[in-house]
């Protein structure tokens, strides 16, 4: 059975959002490129470091919507952390030969900083 781009992205997303970054990286190309707020990442090691730095902060996740069209998949969700539970994030993936080769990640990075001291 052939996995679709949607299947690949779902497996990746479920792995990293449950804290298993190593399993998530099985679905990522060695030559991935990622555009994220404030940084462009090239290569699997850079991408692993970025995702691996955020994954431990997750306290939950609420899915909003997902769309797939051939080798492109978009996910919209609320990554919940100690700082926020309602700040949306979006990812737009390109999948080639069963591996994520490109990601555009959109979120308000200031919302994921430490909570304000009051």
N, C-alpha and C. Protein backbone atom coordinates (compact mmCIF):
# COMPACT_ATOMS: atom_id res chain seq x y z
N UNK A 1 0.84 -1.18 0.00
CA UNK A 1 0.00 0.00 0.00
C UNK A 1 0.88 1.24 0.00
N UNK A 2 0.57 2.18 -0.87
CA UNK A 2 1.34 3.41 -0.97
C UNK A 2 0.77 4.46 -0.02
N UNK A 3 1.65 5.10 0.75
CA UNK A 3 1.24 6.19 1.60
C UNK A 3 1.10 7.46 0.78
N UNK A 4 0.08 8.22 1.06
CA UNK A 4 -0.11 9.51 0.40
C UNK A 4 0.68 10.58 1.15
N UNK A 5 0.78 11.75 0.55
CA UNK A 5 1.41 12.88 1.24
C UNK A 5 0.68 13.17 2.54
N UNK A 6 -0.63 13.08 2.49
CA UNK A 6 -1.43 13.30 3.69
C UNK A 6 -1.06 12.30 4.79
N UNK A 7 -0.93 11.04 4.45
CA UNK A 7 -0.54 10.01 5.42
C UNK A 7 0.81 10.33 6.05
N UNK A 8 1.76 10.71 5.21
CA UNK A 8 3.11 11.04 5.68
C UNK A 8 3.06 12.19 6.67
N UNK A 9 2.35 13.25 6.32
CA UNK A 9 2.28 14.43 7.19
C UNK A 9 1.56 14.08 8.49
N UNK A 10 0.50 13.30 8.43
CA UNK A 10 -0.21 12.92 9.64
C UNK A 10 0.68 12.12 10.60
N UNK A 11 1.44 11.18 10.06
CA UNK A 11 2.35 10.38 10.91
C UNK A 11 3.43 11.27 11.52
N UNK A 12 3.99 12.16 10.71
CA UNK A 12 4.99 13.11 11.21
C UNK A 12 4.41 13.96 12.34
N UNK A 13 3.25 14.55 12.08
CA UNK A 13 2.62 15.47 13.02
C UNK A 13 2.27 14.76 14.33
N UNK A 14 1.71 13.57 14.24
CA UNK A 14 1.36 12.82 15.44
C UNK A 14 2.60 12.46 16.25
N UNK A 15 3.70 12.15 15.57
CA UNK A 15 4.93 11.79 16.28
C UNK A 15 5.50 12.99 17.03
N UNK A 16 5.71 14.11 16.34
CA UNK A 16 6.39 15.22 17.03
C UNK A 16 5.50 15.84 18.08
N UNK A 17 4.17 15.90 17.86
CA UNK A 17 3.31 16.52 18.86
C UNK A 17 3.10 15.63 20.07
N UNK A 18 3.49 14.36 19.98
CA UNK A 18 3.46 13.49 21.16
C UNK A 18 4.85 13.38 21.78
N UNK A 19 5.81 14.17 21.27
CA UNK A 19 7.14 14.23 21.86
C UNK A 19 8.16 13.28 21.26
N UNK A 20 7.79 12.52 20.25
CA UNK A 20 8.73 11.57 19.65
C UNK A 20 9.35 12.17 18.40
N UNK A 21 10.30 13.06 18.60
CA UNK A 21 10.95 13.77 17.50
C UNK A 21 11.72 12.80 16.61
N UNK A 22 12.35 11.79 17.18
CA UNK A 22 13.08 10.82 16.36
C UNK A 22 12.15 10.12 15.38
N UNK A 23 10.98 9.69 15.84
CA UNK A 23 10.01 9.05 14.94
C UNK A 23 9.54 10.04 13.88
N UNK A 24 9.32 11.28 14.27
CA UNK A 24 8.87 12.29 13.31
C UNK A 24 9.90 12.49 12.20
N UNK A 25 11.18 12.44 12.55
CA UNK A 25 12.22 12.68 11.56
C UNK A 25 12.32 11.57 10.51
N UNK A 26 11.71 10.42 10.78
CA UNK A 26 11.67 9.35 9.77
C UNK A 26 10.90 9.77 8.53
N UNK A 27 10.05 10.78 8.65
CA UNK A 27 9.21 11.24 7.55
C UNK A 27 9.76 12.50 6.89
N UNK A 28 10.95 12.92 7.30
CA UNK A 28 11.55 14.17 6.83
C UNK A 28 12.76 13.89 5.95
N UNK A 29 12.83 14.56 4.82
CA UNK A 29 13.96 14.43 3.90
C UNK A 29 15.24 15.00 4.52
N UNK A 30 16.37 14.42 4.19
CA UNK A 30 17.66 14.96 4.64
C UNK A 30 17.87 16.39 4.14
N UNK A 31 17.26 16.73 3.02
CA UNK A 31 17.43 18.05 2.40
C UNK A 31 16.23 18.96 2.63
N UNK A 32 15.50 18.78 3.70
CA UNK A 32 14.33 19.61 3.95
C UNK A 32 14.72 21.09 4.02
N UNK A 33 13.82 21.93 3.54
CA UNK A 33 13.95 23.36 3.76
C UNK A 33 12.69 23.82 4.47
N UNK A 34 12.86 24.70 5.43
CA UNK A 34 11.74 25.17 6.24
C UNK A 34 11.85 26.68 6.41
N UNK A 35 10.76 27.35 6.18
CA UNK A 35 10.65 28.78 6.50
C UNK A 35 9.76 28.89 7.72
N UNK A 36 10.28 29.53 8.75
CA UNK A 36 9.54 29.74 9.99
C UNK A 36 9.76 31.19 10.42
N UNK A 37 8.91 31.70 11.29
CA UNK A 37 9.10 33.08 11.74
C UNK A 37 10.51 33.33 12.28
N UNK A 38 11.22 34.21 11.64
CA UNK A 38 12.55 34.60 12.10
C UNK A 38 13.69 33.70 11.69
N UNK A 39 13.42 32.59 10.94
CA UNK A 39 14.51 31.68 10.61
C UNK A 39 14.16 30.85 9.37
N UNK A 40 15.16 30.64 8.55
CA UNK A 40 15.08 29.68 7.45
C UNK A 40 16.00 28.53 7.82
N UNK A 41 15.48 27.31 7.74
CA UNK A 41 16.24 26.13 8.13
C UNK A 41 16.50 25.28 6.90
N UNK A 42 17.72 24.81 6.76
CA UNK A 42 18.10 23.92 5.67
C UNK A 42 18.73 22.66 6.23
N UNK A 43 18.16 21.52 5.87
CA UNK A 43 18.71 20.24 6.28
C UNK A 43 18.01 19.67 7.50
N UNK A 44 18.04 18.37 7.57
CA UNK A 44 17.35 17.62 8.62
C UNK A 44 17.87 17.93 10.02
N UNK A 45 19.17 18.11 10.17
CA UNK A 45 19.72 18.38 11.50
C UNK A 45 19.21 19.71 12.06
N UNK A 46 19.19 20.74 11.22
CA UNK A 46 18.69 22.06 11.65
C UNK A 46 17.20 21.96 11.98
N UNK A 47 16.47 21.25 11.15
CA UNK A 47 15.03 21.10 11.35
C UNK A 47 14.75 20.32 12.63
N UNK A 48 15.50 19.24 12.85
CA UNK A 48 15.35 18.45 14.08
C UNK A 48 15.59 19.31 15.31
N UNK A 49 16.63 20.14 15.27
CA UNK A 49 16.92 21.01 16.40
C UNK A 49 15.79 21.99 16.69
N UNK A 50 15.21 22.52 15.63
CA UNK A 50 14.11 23.48 15.76
C UNK A 50 12.88 22.80 16.36
N UNK A 51 12.44 21.71 15.76
CA UNK A 51 11.26 20.99 16.25
C UNK A 51 11.53 20.40 17.63
N UNK A 52 12.73 19.85 17.81
CA UNK A 52 13.09 19.25 19.09
C UNK A 52 13.13 20.25 20.23
N UNK A 53 13.38 21.51 19.90
CA UNK A 53 13.39 22.56 20.93
C UNK A 53 11.99 22.95 21.37
N UNK A 54 11.03 22.80 20.47
CA UNK A 54 9.65 23.21 20.78
C UNK A 54 8.81 22.06 21.34
N UNK A 55 9.01 20.86 20.85
CA UNK A 55 8.16 19.72 21.22
C UNK A 55 8.03 19.53 22.74
N UNK A 56 9.10 19.66 23.53
CA UNK A 56 8.95 19.45 24.98
C UNK A 56 8.06 20.49 25.67
N UNK A 57 7.83 21.62 25.02
CA UNK A 57 6.99 22.66 25.62
C UNK A 57 5.50 22.36 25.46
N UNK A 58 5.14 21.45 24.55
CA UNK A 58 3.73 21.16 24.31
C UNK A 58 3.07 20.52 25.53
N UNK A 59 1.90 21.05 25.86
CA UNK A 59 1.08 20.44 26.90
C UNK A 59 -0.17 19.81 26.28
N UNK A 60 -0.40 20.10 25.02
CA UNK A 60 -1.54 19.55 24.30
C UNK A 60 -1.59 20.12 22.91
N UNK A 61 -2.54 19.67 22.13
CA UNK A 61 -2.72 20.18 20.77
C UNK A 61 -4.19 20.05 20.41
N UNK A 62 -4.70 21.07 19.76
CA UNK A 62 -6.08 21.04 19.28
C UNK A 62 -6.07 21.29 17.78
N UNK A 63 -6.52 20.32 17.04
CA UNK A 63 -6.56 20.46 15.59
C UNK A 63 -7.71 21.36 15.18
N UNK A 64 -7.46 22.18 14.15
CA UNK A 64 -8.49 23.08 13.62
C UNK A 64 -8.98 22.56 12.27
N UNK A 65 -8.04 22.41 11.32
CA UNK A 65 -8.41 21.98 9.97
C UNK A 65 -7.18 21.43 9.27
N UNK A 66 -7.43 20.68 8.21
CA UNK A 66 -6.34 20.14 7.38
C UNK A 66 -6.85 20.03 5.95
N UNK A 67 -5.92 20.26 5.03
CA UNK A 67 -6.25 20.19 3.61
C UNK A 67 -5.12 19.47 2.88
N UNK A 68 -5.48 18.68 1.89
CA UNK A 68 -4.47 17.97 1.10
C UNK A 68 -4.82 18.11 -0.37
N UNK A 69 -3.78 18.33 -1.17
CA UNK A 69 -3.94 18.40 -2.62
C UNK A 69 -2.69 17.81 -3.25
N UNK A 70 -2.75 16.53 -3.61
CA UNK A 70 -1.59 15.87 -4.21
C UNK A 70 -0.44 15.78 -3.23
N UNK A 71 0.70 16.39 -3.59
CA UNK A 71 1.88 16.31 -2.73
C UNK A 71 1.99 17.47 -1.74
N UNK A 72 0.92 18.23 -1.59
CA UNK A 72 0.91 19.36 -0.66
C UNK A 72 -0.17 19.17 0.39
N UNK A 73 0.20 19.46 1.64
CA UNK A 73 -0.71 19.28 2.78
C UNK A 73 -0.59 20.50 3.69
N UNK A 74 -1.73 21.00 4.15
CA UNK A 74 -1.75 22.12 5.10
C UNK A 74 -2.44 21.68 6.38
N UNK A 75 -1.85 22.04 7.50
CA UNK A 75 -2.43 21.77 8.82
C UNK A 75 -2.60 23.08 9.57
N UNK A 76 -3.70 23.21 10.27
CA UNK A 76 -3.97 24.36 11.13
C UNK A 76 -4.32 23.81 12.50
N UNK A 77 -3.70 24.33 13.55
CA UNK A 77 -3.92 23.77 14.89
C UNK A 77 -3.51 24.77 15.96
N UNK A 78 -3.89 24.47 17.19
CA UNK A 78 -3.48 25.24 18.36
C UNK A 78 -2.47 24.43 19.15
N UNK A 79 -1.18 24.77 19.06
CA UNK A 79 -0.21 24.10 19.93
C UNK A 79 -0.32 24.70 21.34
N UNK A 80 -0.64 23.90 22.31
CA UNK A 80 -0.86 24.39 23.66
C UNK A 80 0.41 24.23 24.49
N UNK A 81 0.77 25.33 25.16
CA UNK A 81 1.95 25.35 26.01
C UNK A 81 1.58 26.04 27.32
N UNK A 82 2.54 26.19 28.22
CA UNK A 82 2.28 26.92 29.46
C UNK A 82 1.95 28.38 29.17
N UNK A 83 2.38 28.89 28.00
CA UNK A 83 2.17 30.29 27.66
C UNK A 83 0.85 30.56 26.96
N UNK A 84 0.36 29.59 26.18
CA UNK A 84 -0.84 29.83 25.39
C UNK A 84 -1.53 28.53 25.02
N UNK A 85 -2.84 28.62 24.89
CA UNK A 85 -3.62 27.48 24.41
C UNK A 85 -4.45 27.86 23.19
N UNK A 86 -4.43 29.15 22.83
CA UNK A 86 -5.32 29.62 21.77
C UNK A 86 -4.60 30.35 20.64
N UNK A 87 -3.29 30.27 20.59
CA UNK A 87 -2.55 30.90 19.50
C UNK A 87 -2.45 29.90 18.35
N UNK A 88 -3.04 30.22 17.19
CA UNK A 88 -3.03 29.25 16.10
C UNK A 88 -1.66 29.14 15.42
N UNK A 89 -1.44 27.99 14.84
CA UNK A 89 -0.25 27.75 14.01
C UNK A 89 -0.72 27.08 12.73
N UNK A 90 0.06 27.26 11.67
CA UNK A 90 -0.25 26.62 10.39
C UNK A 90 1.05 26.11 9.79
N UNK A 91 0.96 24.96 9.13
CA UNK A 91 2.11 24.40 8.42
C UNK A 91 1.64 23.98 7.03
N UNK A 92 2.50 24.26 6.06
CA UNK A 92 2.22 23.88 4.67
C UNK A 92 3.39 23.04 4.20
N UNK A 93 3.13 21.79 3.89
CA UNK A 93 4.17 20.81 3.57
C UNK A 93 4.15 20.43 2.10
N UNK A 94 5.34 20.12 1.59
CA UNK A 94 5.48 19.44 0.31
C UNK A 94 6.12 18.09 0.59
N UNK A 95 5.52 17.03 0.04
CA UNK A 95 6.01 15.67 0.27
C UNK A 95 6.37 15.06 -1.08
N UNK A 96 7.59 14.57 -1.19
CA UNK A 96 8.06 13.90 -2.41
C UNK A 96 8.64 12.55 -2.02
N UNK A 97 8.20 11.51 -2.70
CA UNK A 97 8.67 10.14 -2.46
C UNK A 97 8.56 9.74 -0.98
N UNK A 98 7.46 10.14 -0.35
CA UNK A 98 7.21 9.73 1.02
C UNK A 98 7.95 10.50 2.09
N UNK A 99 8.65 11.58 1.71
CA UNK A 99 9.40 12.39 2.69
C UNK A 99 8.99 13.86 2.58
N UNK A 100 8.92 14.53 3.71
CA UNK A 100 8.64 15.96 3.73
C UNK A 100 9.89 16.68 3.27
N UNK A 101 9.78 17.41 2.17
CA UNK A 101 10.93 18.11 1.59
C UNK A 101 10.89 19.61 1.84
N UNK A 102 9.71 20.11 2.15
CA UNK A 102 9.57 21.56 2.35
C UNK A 102 8.47 21.82 3.37
N UNK A 103 8.70 22.81 4.21
CA UNK A 103 7.70 23.21 5.21
C UNK A 103 7.70 24.72 5.32
N UNK A 104 6.52 25.28 5.33
CA UNK A 104 6.34 26.69 5.67
C UNK A 104 5.52 26.69 6.95
N UNK A 105 6.09 27.24 8.01
CA UNK A 105 5.50 27.22 9.34
C UNK A 105 5.13 28.65 9.73
N UNK A 106 3.88 28.86 10.11
CA UNK A 106 3.40 30.19 10.44
C UNK A 106 2.83 30.17 11.85
N UNK A 107 3.35 31.06 12.70
CA UNK A 107 2.82 31.21 14.05
C UNK A 107 3.33 32.53 14.61
N UNK A 108 2.70 33.01 15.67
CA UNK A 108 3.12 34.22 16.36
C UNK A 108 4.13 33.82 17.43
N UNK A 109 5.40 33.95 17.10
CA UNK A 109 6.41 33.42 18.03
C UNK A 109 6.44 34.15 19.36
N UNK A 110 6.00 35.40 19.43
CA UNK A 110 5.97 36.10 20.70
C UNK A 110 4.98 35.48 21.68
N UNK A 111 3.95 34.84 21.16
CA UNK A 111 2.95 34.20 22.03
C UNK A 111 3.51 32.98 22.74
N UNK A 112 4.62 32.45 22.26
CA UNK A 112 5.19 31.25 22.86
C UNK A 112 6.36 31.54 23.80
N UNK A 113 6.54 32.81 24.11
CA UNK A 113 7.58 33.19 25.06
C UNK A 113 7.11 32.91 26.48
N UNK A 114 7.97 33.18 27.44
CA UNK A 114 7.57 32.96 28.84
C UNK A 114 6.39 33.85 29.21
N UNK A 115 5.50 33.37 30.06
CA UNK A 115 4.36 34.19 30.50
C UNK A 115 4.87 35.45 31.19
N UNK A 116 4.10 36.53 31.04
CA UNK A 116 4.46 37.79 31.69
C UNK A 116 4.39 37.63 33.21
N UNK A 117 5.35 38.22 33.88
CA UNK A 117 5.37 38.20 35.33
C UNK A 117 4.45 39.33 35.82
N UNK A 118 3.60 39.04 36.78
CA UNK A 118 2.64 40.08 37.19
C UNK A 118 2.54 40.30 38.61
